[in-house]
Amino acid sequence: MAMPSTSSSSRPPILHPSSKTPNTPRLLPLVSRAAAPRPLLLSFAPPAPGRGLRTAAAQQPAYENGEEEEEGVEDDEYYSDEEDEGELDVEAMEEEARRAAADLAARLDRELRVDGDVREKRRTMRDKTSTSKHIPDSKLPKVAVIGRPNVGKSALFNRLVGGNRAIVVDEPGVTRDRLYGRSYWGDQEFMVIDTGGVITLSKSQAGVMEELAITTTVGMDGIPMASREAAIARMPSMIEKQAVAAVEEAAVLLFLVDGQAGLVAADIEIADWLRRNFSHKCIILAVNKCESPRKGQMQALEFWSLGFTPLPISAITGTGTGELLDMVCSELKKFEALQGLEGLDDVEEDENRVPAISIVGRPNVGKSSILNALVGEDRTIVSPVSGTTRDAIDTELTTVDGQKYKLIDTAGIRRRAAVASAGSTTETLSVKRAFSAIRRSDVVALVIEAMACVSEQDYKIAERIEKEGKACVIVVNKWDTIPNKNNESTTHYEQDVREKLRVLDWAPIVYCSAINGNSVEKIISAASLVEKERSRRLGTSILNQVVREAVAFKAPPRTRGGKRGRVYYTTQAAVRPPTFVLFVNDAKLFPEPYRRYMHKQLRSDAGFPGTPIRLLWRSRKRTDRQQRRSNTEARGALVAAS
């Protein structure tokens, strides 16, 4: 079957974001023709050079087995013929393609599953069935959990929101930033805020460091000792600042104490502080670690001296949490009546899904600084102390044009051997939270440090992003530290990044400085673009034209027995990421080099910058084709007989 001729006038040229001039016209328009010179701080991978459909055989890449294409071979020999076109069962192939894409997604989900993902999915399903799910997070009343370190605040947070959101380890100072989660009890839904332990002034600086288990050596190589000590000295105040911010925005305060440790001086100081500054808020005193109801009443007696009614609970076993939630919901209803929020159930969230952008990378590359620069506030603690961020911190962001995003700040991901040698359970859980954040995000911002450039660990993180099928933006932070920058140095730097992160050669690169706030807004712009590409669906006719032209330019190689692969039909079976299924006569006739060639041509001709694409090859069984031909002949005989 001869290739259908297409006029270049009826088809604008394809334009790639990084090219200053459009390529040679080949396909239907997929991107706007309007082009501008590539900006200095945002760059995409360069496209493959343009070419025509027919070129000399010497220009074609050599096949793996050394066979050369025979002259005079027609297109119908390796794509399709008229007889096969009439026999194609498009609906059956579309259904098979969807099943193949679903099977691939399920297999990758099992391979890349992180501990706690099952609980996270159950919590998500529970949230979807909630009657008040349509209330935006910003409009829900908030409940803050406050208390000194290691009293079980994160364990109670996990109990209230469901799942395993916060890191729970039997050591003080694990939680540092504010952590938000949705919870509901009956028909009442609210936000719960987990906070870091409040360190009071009764302790010395050395005592604070010992209680928070802050080290001045691990992960702080290359930082002067004076800077280390200054950063560590500021750590408790920064943790308390985050806790105070949570208390100020909450409607109900859960003051948590340790029933097993008994009443201590820190509890008395926190109680006095709450009474002096937040007496207008509802304060509920919960005595944690009271697993036995009978002993719990005895353990709670000494806490009456704080001036609040103590309620014995156990965050681990759930004892007393039902009564605690009844008290919380009762106070929240009073708060909503005062604030005029009774009609929140009628508030509908935007139908458009909110894209999630996770910020990942090695420790101390500026992930938290980027988050703070984007939201315009000190949402997370920024410090040169390695491992400052531990939980995955979710933050809502609304741009000037009204678009909403969910930003996820994550802990730094070190090499597996380094994490294992450190022997820190907290760091192990932090890394798992970072991988889980990648799984539940739509776009991943991979942050690298400009002076350090790309390391082996960056490449491993990039591999994880590609396997997860997430859109990606490479963020080169601390760009202001590069001396004597110009366009040429930027080009050389980009080439180095592309070479070392080959697995992400399709991802755009953004150069910024989070501390100065330079070009951080370009991260959101690039993330918005790649998220749309990840959700884009290519028309079947255009897709088959792309594949047809790719096959016409370079035919599949012949086997020693003279067999050649033939492509019958191509369809896009899924989005996020874009997944394409090619139906062929025999998938074994398409070697890996040819599959890579088809992958590159599809990306070059169809676009999809910033997102991975997947190609599945499905063999078309000859028995099915013969059966359909027999059925057709039988129907024709019946019609002739009638």
Foldseek 3Di string as FASTA:
>chain_A
DADDDDDLVVADAEDDQADQQGADRDFHYQDDRDHDHRDLFKHFFDADHHDYLDDDQVPDDADPVRDGDDPPDHLCQFANDPVVQVLDPVVVVLVVLLVVVVVLLVVLCVVLPFPQVVFVVVLVVVLVPQLLNFFDQVLFAEEEEAAAWQLCLQLLVCLFQTTRQDDDDNATQLFQFWAWHWGDDDNHIHIYIYAHGQDDPVDDLVRVCVRNVADQDPPQPPPDSVQSVVQSSCRNVSRVVNSVVSVVRHQEYEYEDELVVADDPRSLVVLVVCCVPPVVHHYAYEHEPCPDPVVQVVSCVRVVVSVHDYFYAYSVVGRRVSVVVVVVVVSVVVVCVVVVNPPSSVNGHDPDDAAEEEEAAAWPLCQQLLVCLQQVHNNDDDGSRAFRFQGFHWDWDADPVGHIHIYTYAHGDDDPVVVVVVVDPSNVNRNSNSLVSLLPGQEYEYEDEQVVQDDPVSLVVLVSNQSSFHFYAYEHEPLVVDPPDDSVVSVVSVVVNCVVNVVQSLHMYGYAYSVVSGRSVVVVVSRVVLSVLQQDADDQVSLVSLVSSLCSSPPQDADPVGDGKYWHGKGFNDGSHTEMETEIQDPVSHDPVNVVSSLSSCCSRNPSGRTDYYYHYHHDDVVVSVVSVVVVVVVVVVVVVD
